[in-house]
Amino acid sequence: AIVLGDVAGKGVPAALFMARLLSSTRNHLMTE
């Protein structure tokens, strides 16, 4: 799987949301 995404906004809030996205992506790719 090759994934590329863009969280609305930038800086620390966007980076924290990006971390959540990374975990969610790997988890659901393995189960769906």
All heavy atoms as atom14 arrays in JSON, in Angstrom:
{
  "sequence": "AIVLGDVAGKGVPAALFMARLLSSTRNHLMTE",
  "atom14_mask": [
    [1, 1, 1, 1, 1, 0, 0, 0, 0, 0, 0, 0, 0, 0],
    [1, 1, 1, 1, 1, 1, 1, 1, 0, 0, 0, 0, 0, 0],
    [1, 1, 1, 1, 1, 1, 1, 0, 0, 0, 0, 0, 0, 0],
    [1, 1, 1, 1, 1, 1, 1, 1, 0, 0, 0, 0, 0, 0],
    [1, 1, 1, 1, 0, 0, 0, 0, 0, 0, 0, 0, 0, 0],
    [1, 1, 1, 1, 1, 1, 1, 1, 0, 0, 0, 0, 0, 0],
    [1, 1, 1, 1, 1, 1, 1, 0, 0, 0, 0, 0, 0, 0],
    [1, 1, 1, 1, 1, 0, 0, 0, 0, 0, 0, 0, 0, 0],
    [1, 1, 1, 1, 0, 0, 0, 0, 0, 0, 0, 0, 0, 0],
    [1, 1, 1, 1, 1, 1, 1, 1, 1, 0, 0, 0, 0, 0],
    [1, 1, 1, 1, 0, 0, 0, 0, 0, 0, 0, 0, 0, 0],
    [1, 1, 1, 1, 1, 1, 1, 0, 0, 0, 0, 0, 0, 0],
    [1, 1, 1, 1, 1, 1, 1, 0, 0, 0, 0, 0, 0, 0],
    [1, 1, 1, 1, 1, 0, 0, 0, 0, 0, 0, 0, 0, 0],
    [1, 1, 1, 1, 1, 0, 0, 0, 0, 0, 0, 0, 0, 0],
    [1, 1, 1, 1, 1, 1, 1, 1, 0, 0, 0, 0, 0, 0],
    [1, 1, 1, 1, 1, 1, 1, 1, 1, 1, 1, 0, 0, 0],
    [1, 1, 1, 1, 1, 1, 1, 1, 0, 0, 0, 0, 0, 0],
    [1, 1, 1, 1, 1, 0, 0, 0, 0, 0, 0, 0, 0, 0],
    [1, 1, 1, 1, 1, 1, 1, 1, 1, 1, 1, 0, 0, 0],
    [1, 1, 1, 1, 1, 1, 1, 1, 0, 0, 0, 0, 0, 0],
    [1, 1, 1, 1, 1, 1, 1, 1, 0, 0, 0, 0, 0, 0],
    [1, 1, 1, 1, 1, 1, 0, 0, 0, 0, 0, 0, 0, 0],
    [1, 1, 1, 1, 1, 1, 0, 0, 0, 0, 0, 0, 0, 0],
    [1, 1, 1, 1, 1, 1, 1, 0, 0, 0, 0, 0, 0, 0],
    [1, 1, 1, 1, 1, 1, 1, 1, 1, 1, 1, 0, 0, 0],
    [1, 1, 1, 1, 1, 1, 1, 1, 0, 0, 0, 0, 0, 0],
    [1, 1, 1, 1, 1, 1, 1, 1, 1, 1, 0, 0, 0, 0],
    [1, 1, 1, 1, 1, 1, 1, 1, 0, 0, 0, 0, 0, 0],
    [1, 1, 1, 1, 1, 1, 1, 1, 0, 0, 0, 0, 0, 0],
    [1, 1, 1, 1, 1, 1, 1, 0, 0, 0, 0, 0, 0, 0],
    [1, 1, 1, 1, 1, 1, 1, 1, 1, 0, 0, 0, 0, 0]
  ],
  "atom14_positions": [
    [[0.85, -1.2, 0.0], [0.0, 0.0, 0.0], [0.88, 1.24, 0.0], [1.86, 1.32, 0.75], [-0.91, 0.0, 1.22], [0.0, 0.0, 0.0], [0.0, 0.0, 0.0], [0.0, 0.0, 0.0], [0.0, 0.0, 0.0], [0.0, 0.0, 0.0], [0.0, 0.0, 0.0], [0.0, 0.0, 0.0], [0.0, 0.0, 0.0], [0.0, 0.0, 0.0]],
    [[0.53, 2.19, -0.87], [1.19, 3.51, -0.9], [0.12, 4.53, -0.58], [-0.9, 4.63, -1.28], [1.82, 3.81, -2.28], [2.85, 2.73, -2.64], [2.49, 5.18, -2.26], [2.33, 1.71, -3.62], [0.0, 0.0, 0.0], [0.0, 0.0, 0.0], [0.0, 0.0, 0.0], [0.0, 0.0, 0.0], [0.0, 0.0, 0.0], [0.0, 0.0, 0.0]],
    [[0.33, 5.29, 0.5], [-0.68, 6.23, 0.99], [-0.07, 7.62, 1.06], [1.07, 7.79, 1.49], [-1.19, 5.82, 2.38], [-2.35, 6.72, 2.81], [-1.59, 4.37, 2.42], [0.0, 0.0, 0.0], [0.0, 0.0, 0.0], [0.0, 0.0, 0.0], [0.0, 0.0, 0.0], [0.0, 0.0, 0.0], [0.0, 0.0, 0.0], [0.0, 0.0, 0.0]],
    [[-0.83, 8.62, 0.63], [-0.41, 10.02, 0.76], [-1.62, 10.84, 1.18], [-2.7, 10.71, 0.59], [0.17, 10.53, -0.56], [0.71, 11.97, -0.56], [1.98, 12.07, -1.4], [-0.32, 12.95, -1.1], [0.0, 0.0, 0.0], [0.0, 0.0, 0.0], [0.0, 0.0, 0.0], [0.0, 0.0, 0.0], [0.0, 0.0, 0.0], [0.0, 0.0, 0.0]],
    [[-1.45, 11.66, 2.22], [-2.58, 12.44, 2.72], [-2.17, 13.84, 3.13], [-0.99, 14.16, 3.25], [0.0, 0.0, 0.0], [0.0, 0.0, 0.0], [0.0, 0.0, 0.0], [0.0, 0.0, 0.0], [0.0, 0.0, 0.0], [0.0, 0.0, 0.0], [0.0, 0.0, 0.0], [0.0, 0.0, 0.0], [0.0, 0.0, 0.0], [0.0, 0.0, 0.0]],
    [[-3.17, 14.67, 3.36], [-2.96, 16.07, 3.72], [-4.03, 16.48, 4.72], [-5.22, 16.56, 4.4], [-3.03, 16.95, 2.46], [-2.73, 18.41, 2.75], [-2.44, 18.74, 3.92], [-2.78, 19.23, 1.81], [0.0, 0.0, 0.0], [0.0, 0.0, 0.0], [0.0, 0.0, 0.0], [0.0, 0.0, 0.0], [0.0, 0.0, 0.0], [0.0, 0.0, 0.0]],
    [[-3.6, 16.74, 5.97], [-4.52, 17.19, 7.02], [-4.75, 18.69, 6.84], [-3.8, 19.44, 6.62], [-3.94, 16.91, 8.41], [-4.86, 17.46, 9.5], [-3.71, 15.42, 8.6], [0.0, 0.0, 0.0], [0.0, 0.0, 0.0], [0.0, 0.0, 0.0], [0.0, 0.0, 0.0], [0.0, 0.0, 0.0], [0.0, 0.0, 0.0], [0.0, 0.0, 0.0]],
    [[-5.99, 19.12, 6.94], [-6.29, 20.55, 6.82], [-5.57, 21.31, 7.92], [-5.61, 20.94, 9.1], [-7.8, 20.78, 6.93], [0.0, 0.0, 0.0], [0.0, 0.0, 0.0], [0.0, 0.0, 0.0], [0.0, 0.0, 0.0], [0.0, 0.0, 0.0], [0.0, 0.0, 0.0], [0.0, 0.0, 0.0], [0.0, 0.0, 0.0], [0.0, 0.0, 0.0]],
    [[-4.87, 22.38, 7.54], [-4.1, 23.16, 8.49], [-2.64, 22.76, 8.46], [-2.21, 21.95, 7.62], [0.0, 0.0, 0.0], [0.0, 0.0, 0.0], [0.0, 0.0, 0.0], [0.0, 0.0, 0.0], [0.0, 0.0, 0.0], [0.0, 0.0, 0.0], [0.0, 0.0, 0.0], [0.0, 0.0, 0.0], [0.0, 0.0, 0.0], [0.0, 0.0, 0.0]],
    [[-1.86, 23.36, 9.36], [-0.44, 23.05, 9.44], [0.05, 23.29, 10.85], [-0.69, 23.71, 11.72], [0.37, 23.89, 8.44], [-0.02, 25.35, 8.35], [0.71, 26.02, 7.2], [0.21, 27.43, 6.94], [-1.13, 27.46, 6.39], [0.0, 0.0, 0.0], [0.0, 0.0, 0.0], [0.0, 0.0, 0.0], [0.0, 0.0, 0.0], [0.0, 0.0, 0.0]],
    [[1.31, 22.98, 11.08], [1.88, 23.15, 12.4], [1.55, 22.0, 13.33], [1.2, 20.89, 12.9], [0.0, 0.0, 0.0], [0.0, 0.0, 0.0], [0.0, 0.0, 0.0], [0.0, 0.0, 0.0], [0.0, 0.0, 0.0], [0.0, 0.0, 0.0], [0.0, 0.0, 0.0], [0.0, 0.0, 0.0], [0.0, 0.0, 0.0], [0.0, 0.0, 0.0]],
    [[1.65, 22.24, 14.64], [1.52, 21.18, 15.64], [0.14, 20.51, 15.6], [0.05, 19.28, 15.65], [1.84, 21.72, 17.05], [1.56, 20.67, 18.11], [3.31, 22.15, 17.11], [0.0, 0.0, 0.0], [0.0, 0.0, 0.0], [0.0, 0.0, 0.0], [0.0, 0.0, 0.0], [0.0, 0.0, 0.0], [0.0, 0.0, 0.0], [0.0, 0.0, 0.0]],
    [[-1.0, 21.25, 15.54], [-2.3, 20.56, 15.51], [-2.42, 19.6, 14.34], [-2.9, 18.48, 14.5], [-3.3, 21.73, 15.39], [-2.6, 22.9, 15.97], [-1.17, 22.73, 15.59], [0.0, 0.0, 0.0], [0.0, 0.0, 0.0], [0.0, 0.0, 0.0], [0.0, 0.0, 0.0], [0.0, 0.0, 0.0], [0.0, 0.0, 0.0], [0.0, 0.0, 0.0]],
    [[-1.98, 20.04, 13.15], [-2.05, 19.16, 11.99], [-1.13, 17.95, 12.16], [-1.48, 16.83, 11.76], [-1.67, 19.94, 10.72], [0.0, 0.0, 0.0], [0.0, 0.0, 0.0], [0.0, 0.0, 0.0], [0.0, 0.0, 0.0], [0.0, 0.0, 0.0], [0.0, 0.0, 0.0], [0.0, 0.0, 0.0], [0.0, 0.0, 0.0], [0.0, 0.0, 0.0]],
    [[0.04, 18.16, 12.76], [0.97, 17.05, 12.96], [0.39, 16.01, 13.92], [0.57, 14.81, 13.71], [2.29, 17.59, 13.51], [0.0, 0.0, 0.0], [0.0, 0.0, 0.0], [0.0, 0.0, 0.0], [0.0, 0.0, 0.0], [0.0, 0.0, 0.0], [0.0, 0.0, 0.0], [0.0, 0.0, 0.0], [0.0, 0.0, 0.0], [0.0, 0.0, 0.0]],
    [[-0.3, 16.47, 14.97], [-0.92, 15.52, 15.9], [-2.02, 14.72, 15.21], [-2.15, 13.52, 15.43], [-1.5, 16.29, 17.1], [-0.47, 16.95, 18.02], [-1.17, 17.81, 19.07], [0.39, 15.9, 18.7], [0.0, 0.0, 0.0], [0.0, 0.0, 0.0], [0.0, 0.0, 0.0], [0.0, 0.0, 0.0], [0.0, 0.0, 0.0], [0.0, 0.0, 0.0]],
    [[-2.78, 15.38, 14.37], [-3.84, 14.69, 13.64], [-3.23, 13.7, 12.65], [-3.77, 12.63, 12.41], [-4.72, 15.71, 12.91], [-6.14, 15.28, 12.74], [-7.09, 15.6, 13.69], [-6.53, 14.53, 11.64], [-8.41, 15.2, 13.54], [-7.84, 14.12, 11.49], [-8.79, 14.46, 12.44], [0.0, 0.0, 0.0], [0.0, 0.0, 0.0], [0.0, 0.0, 0.0]],
    [[-2.11, 14.1, 12.06], [-1.41, 13.22, 11.13], [-0.97, 11.93, 11.82], [-1.05, 10.83, 11.27], [-0.21, 13.93, 10.52], [0.55, 13.12, 9.47], [1.81, 12.05, 10.15], [3.18, 13.18, 10.22], [0.0, 0.0, 0.0], [0.0, 0.0, 0.0], [0.0, 0.0, 0.0], [0.0, 0.0, 0.0], [0.0, 0.0, 0.0], [0.0, 0.0, 0.0]],
    [[-0.51, 12.04, 13.08], [-0.11, 10.86, 13.84], [-1.29, 9.91, 14.04], [-1.15, 8.69, 13.96], [0.49, 11.28, 15.17], [0.0, 0.0, 0.0], [0.0, 0.0, 0.0], [0.0, 0.0, 0.0], [0.0, 0.0, 0.0], [0.0, 0.0, 0.0], [0.0, 0.0, 0.0], [0.0, 0.0, 0.0], [0.0, 0.0, 0.0], [0.0, 0.0, 0.0]],
    [[-2.44, 10.49, 14.3], [-3.66, 9.69, 14.45], [-3.99, 9.0, 13.12], [-4.38, 7.82, 13.08], [-4.81, 10.59, 14.9], [-6.19, 9.93, 14.92], [-6.3, 8.9, 16.02], [-7.63, 8.3, 16.06], [-8.65, 8.82, 16.76], [-8.49, 9.91, 17.47], [-9.83, 8.21, 16.76], [0.0, 0.0, 0.0], [0.0, 0.0, 0.0], [0.0, 0.0, 0.0]],
    [[-3.82, 9.71, 12.03], [-4.11, 9.16, 10.7], [-3.2, 7.99, 10.39], [-3.63, 6.97, 9.84], [-3.95, 10.26, 9.64], [-4.08, 9.83, 8.18], [-5.48, 9.32, 7.9], [-3.76, 11.01, 7.26], [0.0, 0.0, 0.0], [0.0, 0.0, 0.0], [0.0, 0.0, 0.0], [0.0, 0.0, 0.0], [0.0, 0.0, 0.0], [0.0, 0.0, 0.0]],
    [[-1.92, 8.1, 10.74], [-0.97, 7.04, 10.46], [-1.4, 5.75, 11.15], [-1.4, 4.67, 10.55], [0.42, 7.47, 10.93], [1.56, 6.47, 10.79], [2.85, 7.19, 10.4], [1.78, 5.68, 12.07], [0.0, 0.0, 0.0], [0.0, 0.0, 0.0], [0.0, 0.0, 0.0], [0.0, 0.0, 0.0], [0.0, 0.0, 0.0], [0.0, 0.0, 0.0]],
    [[-1.76, 5.85, 12.41], [-2.19, 4.68, 13.17], [-3.45, 4.07, 12.58], [-3.57, 2.84, 12.43], [-2.41, 5.07, 14.63], [-2.97, 4.0, 15.36], [0.0, 0.0, 0.0], [0.0, 0.0, 0.0], [0.0, 0.0, 0.0], [0.0, 0.0, 0.0], [0.0, 0.0, 0.0], [0.0, 0.0, 0.0], [0.0, 0.0, 0.0], [0.0, 0.0, 0.0]],
    [[-4.4, 4.94, 12.25], [-5.67, 4.47, 11.69], [-5.46, 3.76, 10.37], [-6.07, 2.71, 10.1], [-6.63, 5.65, 11.52], [-7.84, 5.25, 10.93], [0.0, 0.0, 0.0], [0.0, 0.0, 0.0], [0.0, 0.0, 0.0], [0.0, 0.0, 0.0], [0.0, 0.0, 0.0], [0.0, 0.0, 0.0], [0.0, 0.0, 0.0], [0.0, 0.0, 0.0]],
    [[-4.6, 4.31, 9.52], [-4.36, 3.72, 8.2], [-3.8, 2.31, 8.33], [-4.29, 1.35, 7.7], [-3.39, 4.59, 7.4], [-3.91, 5.91, 7.3], [-3.19, 4.03, 6.0], [0.0, 0.0, 0.0], [0.0, 0.0, 0.0], [0.0, 0.0, 0.0], [0.0, 0.0, 0.0], [0.0, 0.0, 0.0], [0.0, 0.0, 0.0], [0.0, 0.0, 0.0]],
    [[-2.76, 2.15, 9.12], [-2.12, 0.83, 9.26], [-3.09, -0.19, 9.89], [-3.13, -1.35, 9.48], [-0.86, 0.96, 10.1], [0.28, 1.62, 9.35], [1.53, 1.78, 10.18], [2.65, 2.21, 9.35], [3.57, 1.39, 8.86], [3.51, 0.1, 9.13], [4.56, 1.84, 8.12], [0.0, 0.0, 0.0], [0.0, 0.0, 0.0], [0.0, 0.0, 0.0]],
    [[-3.85, 0.26, 10.87], [-4.77, -0.65, 11.54], [-5.83, -1.17, 10.59], [-6.07, -2.38, 10.5], [-5.43, 0.07, 12.72], [-6.46, -0.8, 13.43], [-6.15, -1.9, 13.86], [-7.68, -0.29, 13.52], [0.0, 0.0, 0.0], [0.0, 0.0, 0.0], [0.0, 0.0, 0.0], [0.0, 0.0, 0.0], [0.0, 0.0, 0.0], [0.0, 0.0, 0.0]],
    [[-6.47, -0.28, 9.83], [-7.57, -0.71, 8.97], [-7.08, -1.44, 7.72], [-7.8, -2.3, 7.19], [-8.42, 0.49, 8.58], [-9.21, 1.05, 9.73], [-10.2, 0.35, 10.38], [-9.12, 2.25, 10.39], [-10.71, 1.09, 11.35], [-10.07, 2.24, 11.38], [0.0, 0.0, 0.0], [0.0, 0.0, 0.0], [0.0, 0.0, 0.0], [0.0, 0.0, 0.0]],
    [[-5.89, -1.12, 7.24], [-5.36, -1.87, 6.09], [-5.15, -3.34, 6.43], [-5.27, -4.22, 5.56], [-4.04, -1.25, 5.63], [-4.13, -0.15, 4.57], [-2.78, 0.54, 4.39], [-4.63, -0.7, 3.23], [0.0, 0.0, 0.0], [0.0, 0.0, 0.0], [0.0, 0.0, 0.0], [0.0, 0.0, 0.0], [0.0, 0.0, 0.0], [0.0, 0.0, 0.0]],
    [[-4.81, -3.61, 7.69], [-4.57, -4.98, 8.1], [-5.86, -5.76, 8.4], [-5.84, -7.0, 8.46], [-3.68, -5.0, 9.35], [-2.28, -4.47, 9.12], [-1.38, -5.49, 7.91], [0.2, -4.6, 7.86], [0.0, 0.0, 0.0], [0.0, 0.0, 0.0], [0.0, 0.0, 0.0], [0.0, 0.0, 0.0], [0.0, 0.0, 0.0], [0.0, 0.0, 0.0]],
    [[-6.96, -5.07, 8.57], [-8.2, -5.74, 8.97], [-9.29, -5.73, 7.9], [-10.21, -6.55, 7.96], [-8.76, -5.1, 10.25], [-8.95, -3.69, 10.04], [-7.78, -5.27, 11.41], [0.0, 0.0, 0.0], [0.0, 0.0, 0.0], [0.0, 0.0, 0.0], [0.0, 0.0, 0.0], [0.0, 0.0, 0.0], [0.0, 0.0, 0.0], [0.0, 0.0, 0.0]],
    [[-9.22, -4.79, 6.95], [-10.26, -4.7, 5.91], [-9.86, -5.49, 4.67], [-8.67, -5.73, 4.41], [-10.52, -3.25, 5.56], [-10.98, -2.39, 6.74], [-12.33, -2.82, 7.31], [-13.1, -3.47, 6.58], [-12.59, -2.52, 8.48], [0.0, 0.0, 0.0], [0.0, 0.0, 0.0], [0.0, 0.0, 0.0], [0.0, 0.0, 0.0], [0.0, 0.0, 0.0]]
  ]
}
